[in-house]
């Protein structure tokens, strides 16, 4: 059983992607190409580099708040992702997309044009960091002559670069909206970001062969370290519950 896989952004809700991948591993499903934005780009990087779901989850659970939220200095942006970039190098240590085990497309947003770019050449770790820079919380990423920000701003669930492959596509969205009190600048900012990135994920429903939204992370904040296990279990349990209908859309004979 072979598919291509598209993974949306969503902060630490990305643990739900890992739960999905765990289930796919158990079913013997082979992912032949992957594309992702933001958190989905990080998980996509791991998958394309050959990491298993247990290794991905260990990385996420061992990540500390101080490694993600580093004060930026002399920069446009509140926080820097330099420590996260170092940790990605430590676990992946790959300098070129060509060295990855399967094709990987990182969605980034060009800050000058506002357009999405599906990157599969250059340094995959640098572009993964660029794809994860939710501005203005995090500083924009400079690569070569370009500045990039979070891929979710232009295409939060990238299916387009995978349409050229013969395998059918499974698209996983981890950004269901929730009702909440907007009683602070932070809550308003996060809500606005979620609405924006959700709206540009609509096309993924039409482009993908099987679209699935993880409902169990609805009440999870983007950066709640205490709910990583909950998000992981939501991804695993929900894909398992709906695998019958999803596998039919993907062209598998469900027994």
Protein backbone atom coordinates (compact mmCIF):
# COMPACT_ATOMS: atom_id res chain seq x y z
CA UNK A 1 0.00 0.00 0.00
CA UNK A 2 1.53 3.28 -1.12
CA UNK A 3 0.39 6.90 -0.72
CA UNK A 4 1.67 10.44 -0.71
CA UNK A 5 1.10 12.44 2.46
CA UNK A 6 0.29 16.12 3.06
CA UNK A 7 0.65 17.53 6.58
CA UNK A 8 -0.75 20.84 7.80
CA UNK A 9 0.79 23.25 10.26
CA UNK A 10 -0.54 23.68 13.78
CA UNK A 11 2.20 24.15 16.37
CA UNK A 12 2.57 21.35 18.90
CA UNK A 13 -0.63 19.86 17.55
CA UNK A 14 1.86 18.35 15.10
CA UNK A 15 2.05 15.43 17.53
CA UNK A 16 -1.25 14.34 15.97
CA UNK A 17 0.59 13.85 12.66
CA UNK A 18 2.96 11.50 14.43
CA UNK A 19 0.02 9.50 15.75
CA UNK A 20 -1.27 9.19 12.19
CA UNK A 21 2.14 8.03 10.97
CA UNK A 22 2.29 5.46 13.78
CA UNK A 23 -0.98 3.95 12.55
CA UNK A 24 0.18 3.98 8.93
CA UNK A 25 3.34 2.14 9.98
CA UNK A 26 1.24 -0.54 11.65
CA UNK A 27 -0.87 -0.94 8.51
CA UNK A 28 2.19 -1.35 6.33
CA UNK A 29 1.40 1.81 4.36
CA UNK A 30 4.42 3.18 2.50
CA UNK A 31 4.66 6.95 2.06
CA UNK A 32 6.42 7.64 -1.25
CA UNK A 33 6.48 11.46 -1.01
CA UNK A 34 5.54 14.02 1.63
CA UNK A 35 4.75 17.75 1.75
CA UNK A 36 4.20 19.93 4.79
CA UNK A 37 3.83 23.40 6.21
CA UNK A 38 5.11 24.60 9.58
CA UNK A 39 4.69 21.76 12.12
CA UNK A 40 3.78 19.53 9.19
CA UNK A 41 7.09 20.45 7.59
CA UNK A 42 8.98 19.35 10.71
CA UNK A 43 7.19 15.99 10.80
CA UNK A 44 7.58 15.71 7.03
CA UNK A 45 11.32 16.30 7.37
CA UNK A 46 11.57 13.51 9.93
CA UNK A 47 9.54 11.13 7.78
CA UNK A 48 11.54 11.86 4.63
CA UNK A 49 14.79 11.38 6.55
CA UNK A 50 13.73 7.88 7.58
CA UNK A 51 12.79 8.47 11.23
CA UNK A 52 10.10 6.26 12.72
CA UNK A 53 7.11 7.61 14.63
CA UNK A 54 8.57 6.68 18.04
CA UNK A 55 11.71 8.69 17.31
CA UNK A 56 9.61 11.68 16.18
CA UNK A 57 7.52 11.58 19.35
CA UNK A 58 10.62 11.35 21.54
CA UNK A 59 12.05 14.43 19.85
CA UNK A 60 8.87 16.42 20.43
CA UNK A 61 8.46 15.33 24.05
CA UNK A 62 12.09 16.16 24.82
CA UNK A 63 11.77 19.62 23.32
CA UNK A 64 11.81 22.31 26.00
CA UNK A 65 9.96 25.61 25.94
CA UNK A 66 13.23 27.49 26.30
CA UNK A 67 14.47 25.84 23.09
CA UNK A 68 11.47 27.01 21.11
CA UNK A 69 10.91 30.43 22.63
CA UNK A 70 14.31 32.10 22.48
CA UNK A 71 14.25 35.89 22.62
CA UNK A 72 15.34 37.37 19.31
CA UNK A 73 17.87 40.19 19.41
CA UNK A 74 18.23 42.94 16.81
CA UNK A 75 15.57 41.29 14.70
CA UNK A 76 12.01 41.78 13.48
CA UNK A 77 10.21 39.15 15.51
CA UNK A 78 9.80 38.35 19.19
CA UNK A 79 11.41 34.91 19.24
CA UNK A 80 14.21 33.14 17.38
CA UNK A 81 14.20 29.50 16.20
CA UNK A 82 17.99 29.09 16.17
CA UNK A 83 18.01 26.53 18.98
CA UNK A 84 15.31 24.48 17.28
CA UNK A 85 17.34 24.59 14.07
CA UNK A 86 20.36 23.24 15.95
CA UNK A 87 18.28 20.41 17.42
CA UNK A 88 16.97 19.48 13.97
CA UNK A 89 20.54 19.30 12.70
CA UNK A 90 21.42 17.03 15.63
CA UNK A 91 18.70 14.51 14.85
CA UNK A 92 18.57 14.69 11.04
CA UNK A 93 22.03 15.99 10.02
CA UNK A 94 21.18 16.16 6.32
CA UNK A 95 22.33 19.10 4.22
CA UNK A 96 20.46 18.45 0.96
CA UNK A 97 17.00 17.35 -0.15
CA UNK A 98 18.77 14.87 -2.44
CA UNK A 99 20.03 13.00 0.64
CA UNK A 100 16.52 12.32 1.95
CA UNK A 101 15.05 8.84 1.58
CA UNK A 102 11.82 10.01 -0.10
CA UNK A 103 10.87 13.25 -1.92
CA UNK A 104 9.98 16.07 0.47
CA UNK A 105 8.38 19.42 -0.35
CA UNK A 106 8.57 22.20 2.21
CA UNK A 107 5.99 24.96 1.83
CA UNK A 108 7.31 28.43 2.68
CA UNK A 109 5.89 31.88 2.06
CA UNK A 110 8.05 34.43 0.25
CA UNK A 111 7.74 37.59 2.33
CA UNK A 112 8.28 39.86 -0.71
CA UNK A 113 5.69 38.32 -3.02
CA UNK A 114 3.36 36.75 -0.47
CA UNK A 115 3.31 33.62 -2.64
CA UNK A 116 3.82 30.04 -1.56
CA UNK A 117 6.95 28.18 -2.66
CA UNK A 118 7.26 24.40 -2.62
CA UNK A 119 10.93 23.81 -1.94
CA UNK A 120 12.75 20.56 -2.69
CA UNK A 121 16.29 21.81 -3.36
CA UNK A 122 18.85 23.23 -0.97
CA UNK A 123 19.11 22.64 2.77
CA UNK A 124 15.89 21.00 4.03
CA UNK A 125 16.49 21.97 7.65
CA UNK A 126 16.84 25.66 6.81
CA UNK A 127 13.63 25.62 4.80
CA UNK A 128 11.82 23.64 7.49
CA UNK A 129 12.68 26.37 9.98
CA UNK A 130 11.53 29.00 7.45
CA UNK A 131 8.24 27.15 7.05
CA UNK A 132 7.71 27.25 10.83
CA UNK A 133 8.25 30.96 11.46
CA UNK A 134 4.82 32.16 12.53
CA UNK A 135 5.38 35.90 12.33
CA UNK A 136 5.31 38.18 14.23
CA UNK A 137 5.89 35.67 17.05
CA UNK A 138 9.03 34.33 15.33
CA UNK A 139 11.57 36.12 13.19
CA UNK A 140 11.54 35.65 9.42
CA UNK A 141 14.16 33.32 7.92
CA UNK A 142 16.73 34.57 5.44
CA UNK A 143 17.97 32.02 2.91
CA UNK A 144 20.14 33.28 0.08
CA UNK A 145 18.57 36.43 -1.37
CA UNK A 146 15.09 35.71 -0.02
CA UNK A 147 13.22 36.11 3.24
CA UNK A 148 10.61 33.52 4.13
CA UNK A 149 7.87 33.14 6.73
CA UNK A 150 5.51 30.38 7.78
CA UNK A 151 4.23 28.21 4.93
CA UNK A 152 0.81 28.17 6.57
CA UNK A 153 0.26 31.79 5.60
CA UNK A 154 0.04 30.84 1.91
CA UNK A 155 -0.75 27.09 1.84
CA UNK A 156 -1.17 25.39 5.19
CA UNK A 157 -1.94 21.97 3.71
CA UNK A 158 0.20 21.53 0.58
CA UNK A 159 -1.20 18.93 -1.80
CA UNK A 160 -0.28 20.59 -5.11
CA UNK A 161 3.39 19.50 -5.30
CA UNK A 162 2.36 15.87 -4.81
CA UNK A 163 -0.19 15.69 -7.62
CA UNK A 164 2.49 14.61 -10.10
CA UNK A 165 2.96 11.30 -8.29
CA UNK A 166 0.93 8.26 -9.29
CA UNK A 167 0.05 7.33 -5.70
CA UNK A 168 -3.10 8.78 -4.17
CA UNK A 169 -2.83 11.53 -1.58
CA UNK A 170 -3.86 11.57 2.07
CA UNK A 171 -4.10 15.11 3.52
CA UNK A 172 -4.15 15.55 7.31
CA UNK A 173 -5.43 18.81 8.81
CA UNK A 174 -4.75 19.52 12.49
CA UNK A 175 -6.44 22.92 12.64
CA UNK A 176 -10.11 22.52 13.56
CA UNK A 177 -11.50 25.80 14.87
CA UNK A 178 -12.82 26.16 18.38
CA UNK A 179 -14.98 28.68 20.14
CA UNK A 180 -13.10 30.61 22.80
CA UNK A 181 -13.02 33.84 24.76
CA UNK A 182 -10.77 36.42 23.16
CA UNK A 183 -9.60 38.23 26.28
CA UNK A 184 -5.98 39.05 25.43
CA UNK A 185 -3.74 40.14 22.58
CA UNK A 186 -2.26 36.63 22.44
CA UNK A 187 -5.64 34.89 22.19
CA UNK A 188 -6.78 37.27 19.46
CA UNK A 189 -3.53 36.81 17.53
CA UNK A 190 -3.68 33.02 17.69
CA UNK A 191 -7.34 32.98 16.71
CA UNK A 192 -6.65 35.23 13.73
CA UNK A 193 -3.77 33.03 12.61
CA UNK A 194 -5.91 29.90 12.85
CA UNK A 195 -8.71 31.46 10.79
CA UNK A 196 -6.28 32.61 8.12
CA UNK A 197 -4.43 29.34 7.74
CA UNK A 198 -7.64 27.32 7.85
CA UNK A 199 -9.10 29.34 4.97
CA UNK A 200 -6.18 28.55 2.66
CA UNK A 201 -6.49 24.83 3.44
CA UNK A 202 -9.89 24.58 1.76
CA UNK A 203 -8.44 23.75 -1.64
CA UNK A 204 -6.75 20.68 -0.13
CA UNK A 205 -10.15 19.04 0.26
CA UNK A 206 -10.63 19.16 -3.50
CA UNK A 207 -7.06 18.32 -4.48
CA UNK A 208 -6.47 15.39 -2.14
CA UNK A 209 -7.90 11.92 -2.62
CA UNK A 210 -8.60 11.53 1.09
CA UNK A 211 -8.87 14.56 3.40
CA UNK A 212 -9.03 14.08 7.17
CA UNK A 213 -9.27 16.57 10.03
CA UNK A 214 -8.18 15.58 13.54
CA UNK A 215 -11.00 16.78 15.81
CA UNK A 216 -9.41 15.78 19.10
CA UNK A 217 -6.95 18.69 19.04
CA UNK A 218 -9.69 21.30 18.78
CA UNK A 219 -9.16 22.59 22.32
CA UNK A 220 -5.39 22.34 22.27
CA UNK A 221 -3.40 25.54 22.16
CA UNK A 222 -0.71 25.81 19.49
CA UNK A 223 2.12 25.72 22.02
CA UNK A 224 0.86 23.64 24.94
CA UNK A 225 3.69 21.23 25.82
CA UNK A 226 1.50 19.43 28.36
CA UNK A 227 -0.88 18.16 25.67
CA UNK A 228 1.59 16.51 23.29
CA UNK A 229 0.56 12.99 24.33
CA UNK A 230 -3.11 13.91 23.97
CA UNK A 231 -2.55 15.19 20.42
CA UNK A 232 -0.58 12.06 19.52
CA UNK A 233 -3.35 9.79 20.78
CA UNK A 234 -5.99 11.85 18.98
CA UNK A 235 -4.17 11.43 15.70
CA UNK A 236 -3.70 7.71 16.19
CA UNK A 237 -7.20 6.91 17.45
CA UNK A 238 -9.08 9.03 14.93
CA UNK A 239 -7.25 7.77 11.85
CA UNK A 240 -7.79 4.22 13.13
CA UNK A 241 -11.52 4.82 13.62
CA UNK A 242 -11.98 6.25 10.12
CA UNK A 243 -9.46 4.09 8.28
CA UNK A 244 -12.14 2.05 6.55
CA UNK A 245 -13.59 4.99 4.63
CA UNK A 246 -10.19 6.63 4.09
CA UNK A 247 -8.59 3.46 2.76
CA UNK A 248 -11.40 3.09 0.22
CA UNK A 249 -10.77 6.63 -1.04
CA UNK A 250 -7.08 5.76 -1.29
CA UNK A 251 -7.87 2.73 -3.42
CA UNK A 252 -7.09 0.06 -0.84
CA UNK A 253 -9.18 -3.07 -0.42
CA UNK A 254 -10.45 -2.83 3.13
CA UNK A 255 -10.91 -6.11 4.94
